[in-house]
Amino acid sequence: MATVRTLIHLPSPALRGAVIAIRASMAHPMETGHRPDAEGRLLPRDIVTRFECRLDGTLVFAADLYPAIAANPYLAFTLRAERDGELQFSWQGDHGLVHRETRRLVLG
């Protein structure tokens, strides 16, 4: 499988009790399955179908994605920073796509 490029932004350190913004994006073409190639055949669907973020294993944000989502899906959400911990980010998609990354949430 090709290298997956992701960007994840979160404040470091975050203030305890503050609502923080987390932003995540993944480089992915998001082919809908409705577009024809040069010979008129439909290109197979290839999309990211699910994104999840967990803090120390507890689900804190999830999104189901559909063909109408643009290429390079970008998600932004907020989280109340109450404790240090490990954020686990997971992208799942068509054709067996599974990509995971972790970032440390550090409170100041």
N, C-alpha and C. Protein backbone atom coordinates (compact mmCIF):
# COMPACT_ATOMS: atom_id res chain seq x y z
N MET A 1 0.84 -1.18 0.00
CA MET A 1 0.00 0.00 0.00
C MET A 1 0.88 1.24 0.00
N ALA A 2 0.45 2.25 -0.70
CA ALA A 2 1.20 3.50 -0.80
C ALA A 2 1.23 4.22 0.55
N THR A 3 2.21 5.11 0.69
CA THR A 3 2.31 5.91 1.89
C THR A 3 1.11 6.84 1.99
N VAL A 4 0.52 6.91 3.16
CA VAL A 4 -0.64 7.77 3.39
C VAL A 4 -0.15 9.06 4.04
N ARG A 5 -0.58 10.19 3.50
CA ARG A 5 -0.19 11.48 4.05
C ARG A 5 -1.35 12.07 4.83
N THR A 6 -1.11 12.35 6.10
CA THR A 6 -2.12 12.97 6.95
C THR A 6 -1.54 14.21 7.61
N LEU A 7 -2.41 15.11 7.98
CA LEU A 7 -2.04 16.28 8.78
C LEU A 7 -2.97 16.32 9.99
N ILE A 8 -2.39 16.43 11.16
CA ILE A 8 -3.17 16.51 12.40
C ILE A 8 -2.66 17.70 13.19
N HIS A 9 -3.57 18.57 13.56
CA HIS A 9 -3.21 19.77 14.33
C HIS A 9 -3.99 19.78 15.65
N LEU A 10 -3.26 19.95 16.75
CA LEU A 10 -3.87 20.17 18.05
C LEU A 10 -2.93 21.03 18.87
N PRO A 11 -3.48 21.80 19.80
CA PRO A 11 -2.62 22.69 20.59
C PRO A 11 -1.71 21.89 21.52
N SER A 12 -0.51 22.39 21.70
CA SER A 12 0.41 21.74 22.62
C SER A 12 1.26 22.81 23.29
N PRO A 13 1.16 23.00 24.56
CA PRO A 13 0.23 22.29 25.43
C PRO A 13 -1.16 22.90 25.38
N ALA A 14 -2.14 22.12 25.78
CA ALA A 14 -3.53 22.59 25.87
C ALA A 14 -3.80 22.98 27.33
N LEU A 15 -4.65 23.97 27.51
CA LEU A 15 -5.00 24.38 28.86
C LEU A 15 -6.04 23.43 29.45
N ARG A 16 -5.80 22.97 30.67
CA ARG A 16 -6.73 22.05 31.33
C ARG A 16 -8.12 22.71 31.42
N GLY A 17 -9.14 21.97 30.98
CA GLY A 17 -10.51 22.45 31.03
C GLY A 17 -10.92 23.27 29.83
N ALA A 18 -9.98 23.62 28.96
CA ALA A 18 -10.30 24.43 27.78
C ALA A 18 -10.90 23.55 26.68
N VAL A 19 -11.73 24.16 25.86
CA VAL A 19 -12.24 23.49 24.67
C VAL A 19 -11.22 23.75 23.57
N ILE A 20 -10.66 22.67 23.04
CA ILE A 20 -9.61 22.80 22.04
C ILE A 20 -10.12 22.35 20.67
N ALA A 21 -9.55 22.92 19.63
CA ALA A 21 -9.88 22.54 18.26
C ALA A 21 -8.87 21.51 17.78
N ILE A 22 -9.37 20.43 17.19
CA ILE A 22 -8.54 19.40 16.60
C ILE A 22 -8.90 19.34 15.12
N ARG A 23 -7.88 19.34 14.28
CA ARG A 23 -8.10 19.29 12.82
C ARG A 23 -7.31 18.13 12.26
N ALA A 24 -7.94 17.38 11.37
CA ALA A 24 -7.27 16.23 10.74
C ALA A 24 -7.66 16.15 9.28
N SER A 25 -6.68 15.89 8.44
CA SER A 25 -6.97 15.69 7.02
C SER A 25 -6.10 14.54 6.50
N MET A 26 -6.58 13.96 5.42
CA MET A 26 -5.88 12.83 4.80
C MET A 26 -5.85 13.06 3.30
N ALA A 27 -4.69 12.88 2.69
CA ALA A 27 -4.59 12.96 1.23
C ALA A 27 -5.21 11.71 0.64
N HIS A 28 -6.33 11.88 -0.06
CA HIS A 28 -7.05 10.75 -0.65
C HIS A 28 -7.90 11.27 -1.80
N PRO A 29 -7.92 10.60 -2.96
CA PRO A 29 -8.65 11.12 -4.12
C PRO A 29 -10.17 11.08 -4.00
N MET A 30 -10.73 10.22 -3.16
CA MET A 30 -12.18 10.13 -2.96
C MET A 30 -12.94 10.00 -4.29
N GLU A 31 -12.69 8.91 -4.99
CA GLU A 31 -13.39 8.64 -6.25
C GLU A 31 -14.80 8.13 -5.95
N THR A 32 -15.81 8.79 -6.52
CA THR A 32 -17.22 8.52 -6.18
C THR A 32 -17.79 7.24 -6.77
N GLY A 33 -17.21 6.77 -7.87
CA GLY A 33 -17.78 5.62 -8.56
C GLY A 33 -18.79 6.02 -9.62
N HIS A 34 -19.00 7.32 -9.82
CA HIS A 34 -19.96 7.83 -10.80
C HIS A 34 -19.27 8.50 -11.99
N ARG A 35 -17.96 8.61 -11.96
CA ARG A 35 -17.23 9.34 -13.00
C ARG A 35 -16.62 8.36 -14.00
N PRO A 36 -16.76 8.62 -15.30
CA PRO A 36 -16.19 7.70 -16.30
C PRO A 36 -14.72 8.01 -16.57
N ASP A 37 -14.00 6.96 -16.99
CA ASP A 37 -12.61 7.15 -17.42
C ASP A 37 -12.61 7.56 -18.89
N ALA A 38 -11.44 7.60 -19.52
CA ALA A 38 -11.32 8.05 -20.91
C ALA A 38 -12.07 7.14 -21.89
N GLU A 39 -12.28 5.87 -21.53
CA GLU A 39 -13.01 4.94 -22.40
C GLU A 39 -14.50 4.88 -22.08
N GLY A 40 -14.96 5.67 -21.13
CA GLY A 40 -16.38 5.70 -20.78
C GLY A 40 -16.79 4.73 -19.69
N ARG A 41 -15.85 3.94 -19.17
CA ARG A 41 -16.16 3.01 -18.07
C ARG A 41 -16.14 3.77 -16.75
N LEU A 42 -17.04 3.39 -15.85
CA LEU A 42 -17.07 4.04 -14.55
C LEU A 42 -15.84 3.65 -13.74
N LEU A 43 -15.19 4.65 -13.18
CA LEU A 43 -14.08 4.39 -12.27
C LEU A 43 -14.64 3.79 -10.99
N PRO A 44 -13.99 2.79 -10.41
CA PRO A 44 -14.53 2.18 -9.19
C PRO A 44 -14.51 3.16 -8.01
N ARG A 45 -15.52 3.03 -7.18
CA ARG A 45 -15.60 3.88 -5.99
C ARG A 45 -14.39 3.60 -5.09
N ASP A 46 -13.83 4.66 -4.54
CA ASP A 46 -12.69 4.55 -3.62
C ASP A 46 -12.75 5.74 -2.68
N ILE A 47 -13.43 5.57 -1.55
CA ILE A 47 -13.60 6.68 -0.61
C ILE A 47 -13.19 6.26 0.81
N VAL A 48 -12.90 7.25 1.61
CA VAL A 48 -12.75 7.05 3.05
C VAL A 48 -14.17 7.03 3.60
N THR A 49 -14.52 5.97 4.30
CA THR A 49 -15.91 5.81 4.76
C THR A 49 -16.11 6.12 6.24
N ARG A 50 -15.04 6.12 7.03
CA ARG A 50 -15.19 6.32 8.48
C ARG A 50 -13.94 6.97 9.04
N PHE A 51 -14.16 7.92 9.94
CA PHE A 51 -13.07 8.55 10.69
C PHE A 51 -13.45 8.46 12.16
N GLU A 52 -12.49 8.11 13.00
CA GLU A 52 -12.71 8.08 14.44
C GLU A 52 -11.51 8.69 15.16
N CYS A 53 -11.81 9.33 16.30
CA CYS A 53 -10.77 9.81 17.19
C CYS A 53 -11.10 9.29 18.59
N ARG A 54 -10.12 8.69 19.22
CA ARG A 54 -10.28 8.15 20.58
C ARG A 54 -9.24 8.77 21.49
N LEU A 55 -9.63 9.03 22.72
CA LEU A 55 -8.71 9.50 23.75
C LEU A 55 -8.54 8.37 24.74
N ASP A 56 -7.35 7.80 24.78
CA ASP A 56 -7.06 6.64 25.64
C ASP A 56 -8.11 5.54 25.46
N GLY A 57 -8.51 5.30 24.21
CA GLY A 57 -9.44 4.22 23.90
C GLY A 57 -10.91 4.59 23.94
N THR A 58 -11.25 5.76 24.47
CA THR A 58 -12.64 6.20 24.53
C THR A 58 -12.96 7.05 23.31
N LEU A 59 -14.01 6.67 22.57
CA LEU A 59 -14.40 7.41 21.38
C LEU A 59 -14.84 8.82 21.76
N VAL A 60 -14.19 9.83 21.15
CA VAL A 60 -14.55 11.23 21.43
C VAL A 60 -15.13 11.93 20.20
N PHE A 61 -14.90 11.36 19.00
CA PHE A 61 -15.47 11.92 17.77
C PHE A 61 -15.46 10.84 16.70
N ALA A 62 -16.54 10.80 15.90
CA ALA A 62 -16.60 9.87 14.77
C ALA A 62 -17.41 10.50 13.67
N ALA A 63 -17.09 10.15 12.44
CA ALA A 63 -17.84 10.65 11.28
C ALA A 63 -17.89 9.56 10.22
N ASP A 64 -19.08 9.34 9.66
CA ASP A 64 -19.25 8.48 8.50
C ASP A 64 -19.19 9.38 7.28
N LEU A 65 -18.39 8.99 6.30
CA LEU A 65 -18.20 9.80 5.10
C LEU A 65 -18.83 9.09 3.91
N TYR A 66 -19.30 9.88 2.95
CA TYR A 66 -20.03 9.37 1.79
C TYR A 66 -19.41 9.93 0.52
N PRO A 67 -19.81 9.43 -0.66
CA PRO A 67 -19.18 9.88 -1.92
C PRO A 67 -19.24 11.38 -2.17
N ALA A 68 -20.12 12.11 -1.55
CA ALA A 68 -20.21 13.55 -1.78
C ALA A 68 -19.07 14.33 -1.11
N ILE A 69 -18.29 13.68 -0.26
CA ILE A 69 -17.17 14.34 0.41
C ILE A 69 -16.06 14.60 -0.62
N ALA A 70 -15.47 15.77 -0.56
CA ALA A 70 -14.41 16.15 -1.51
C ALA A 70 -13.14 15.33 -1.28
N ALA A 71 -12.26 15.38 -2.26
CA ALA A 71 -10.95 14.75 -2.12
C ALA A 71 -10.22 15.34 -0.92
N ASN A 72 -9.30 14.58 -0.37
CA ASN A 72 -8.50 15.01 0.78
C ASN A 72 -9.39 15.44 1.94
N PRO A 73 -10.19 14.50 2.48
CA PRO A 73 -11.16 14.87 3.51
C PRO A 73 -10.50 15.56 4.72
N TYR A 74 -11.14 16.65 5.13
CA TYR A 74 -10.68 17.48 6.24
C TYR A 74 -11.79 17.49 7.29
N LEU A 75 -11.44 17.19 8.52
CA LEU A 75 -12.41 17.20 9.61
C LEU A 75 -11.87 18.06 10.74
N ALA A 76 -12.76 18.83 11.34
CA ALA A 76 -12.40 19.67 12.49
C ALA A 76 -13.47 19.46 13.56
N PHE A 77 -13.03 19.31 14.79
CA PHE A 77 -13.96 19.10 15.90
C PHE A 77 -13.32 19.64 17.17
N THR A 78 -14.12 19.76 18.21
CA THR A 78 -13.62 20.27 19.48
C THR A 78 -13.67 19.19 20.55
N LEU A 79 -12.86 19.40 21.57
CA LEU A 79 -12.76 18.46 22.67
C LEU A 79 -12.41 19.26 23.92
N ARG A 80 -13.05 18.95 25.03
CA ARG A 80 -12.66 19.59 26.29
C ARG A 80 -11.45 18.86 26.84
N ALA A 81 -10.36 19.57 27.02
CA ALA A 81 -9.09 18.99 27.48
C ALA A 81 -9.11 18.87 28.99
N GLU A 82 -9.42 17.68 29.49
CA GLU A 82 -9.51 17.48 30.93
C GLU A 82 -8.34 16.69 31.50
N ARG A 83 -7.63 15.95 30.62
CA ARG A 83 -6.49 15.15 31.11
C ARG A 83 -5.52 14.90 29.97
N ASP A 84 -4.27 14.65 30.33
CA ASP A 84 -3.29 14.20 29.35
C ASP A 84 -3.74 12.85 28.82
N GLY A 85 -3.31 12.52 27.63
CA GLY A 85 -3.64 11.20 27.11
C GLY A 85 -3.19 11.03 25.68
N GLU A 86 -3.45 9.86 25.17
CA GLU A 86 -3.08 9.54 23.79
C GLU A 86 -4.32 9.62 22.90
N LEU A 87 -4.23 10.44 21.86
CA LEU A 87 -5.30 10.53 20.88
C LEU A 87 -4.97 9.55 19.74
N GLN A 88 -5.93 8.67 19.45
CA GLN A 88 -5.76 7.72 18.35
C GLN A 88 -6.71 8.14 17.23
N PHE A 89 -6.17 8.36 16.05
CA PHE A 89 -6.93 8.76 14.88
C PHE A 89 -6.99 7.56 13.93
N SER A 90 -8.17 7.28 13.38
CA SER A 90 -8.33 6.13 12.49
C SER A 90 -9.18 6.52 11.29
N TRP A 91 -8.66 6.18 10.11
CA TRP A 91 -9.40 6.37 8.84
C TRP A 91 -9.62 4.98 8.26
N GLN A 92 -10.86 4.70 7.81
CA GLN A 92 -11.18 3.43 7.17
C GLN A 92 -11.87 3.72 5.85
N GLY A 93 -11.68 2.84 4.88
CA GLY A 93 -12.29 3.10 3.59
C GLY A 93 -12.40 1.89 2.70
N ASP A 94 -12.80 2.16 1.47
CA ASP A 94 -12.96 1.11 0.48
C ASP A 94 -11.62 0.44 0.19
N HIS A 95 -11.71 -0.77 -0.35
CA HIS A 95 -10.53 -1.54 -0.78
C HIS A 95 -9.58 -1.83 0.38
N GLY A 96 -10.11 -1.97 1.58
CA GLY A 96 -9.30 -2.35 2.74
C GLY A 96 -8.48 -1.24 3.37
N LEU A 97 -8.78 0.01 3.03
CA LEU A 97 -8.02 1.12 3.62
C LEU A 97 -8.23 1.17 5.13
N VAL A 98 -7.15 1.09 5.87
CA VAL A 98 -7.15 1.31 7.31
C VAL A 98 -5.85 2.04 7.62
N HIS A 99 -5.97 3.23 8.20
CA HIS A 99 -4.77 4.00 8.56
C HIS A 99 -4.99 4.56 9.95
N ARG A 100 -3.97 4.41 10.80
CA ARG A 100 -4.06 4.90 12.18
C ARG A 100 -2.82 5.73 12.51
N GLU A 101 -3.07 6.77 13.29
CA GLU A 101 -1.97 7.59 13.81
C GLU A 101 -2.30 7.95 15.25
N THR A 102 -1.28 8.26 16.02
CA THR A 102 -1.47 8.70 17.40
C THR A 102 -0.75 10.01 17.64
N ARG A 103 -1.30 10.79 18.54
CA ARG A 103 -0.66 12.03 18.99
C ARG A 103 -0.89 12.12 20.49
N ARG A 104 0.06 12.69 21.17
CA ARG A 104 -0.04 12.87 22.62
C ARG A 104 -0.73 14.19 22.91
N LEU A 105 -1.77 14.17 23.74
CA LEU A 105 -2.43 15.38 24.22
C LEU A 105 -1.77 15.75 25.54
N VAL A 106 -1.12 16.90 25.54
CA VAL A 106 -0.38 17.33 26.72
C VAL A 106 -1.05 18.60 27.25
N LEU A 107 -1.37 18.59 28.55
CA LEU A 107 -1.99 19.76 29.19
C LEU A 107 -0.94 20.56 29.91
N GLY A 108 -1.08 21.87 29.82
CA GLY A 108 -0.13 22.76 30.47
C GLY A 108 -0.70 23.36 31.73
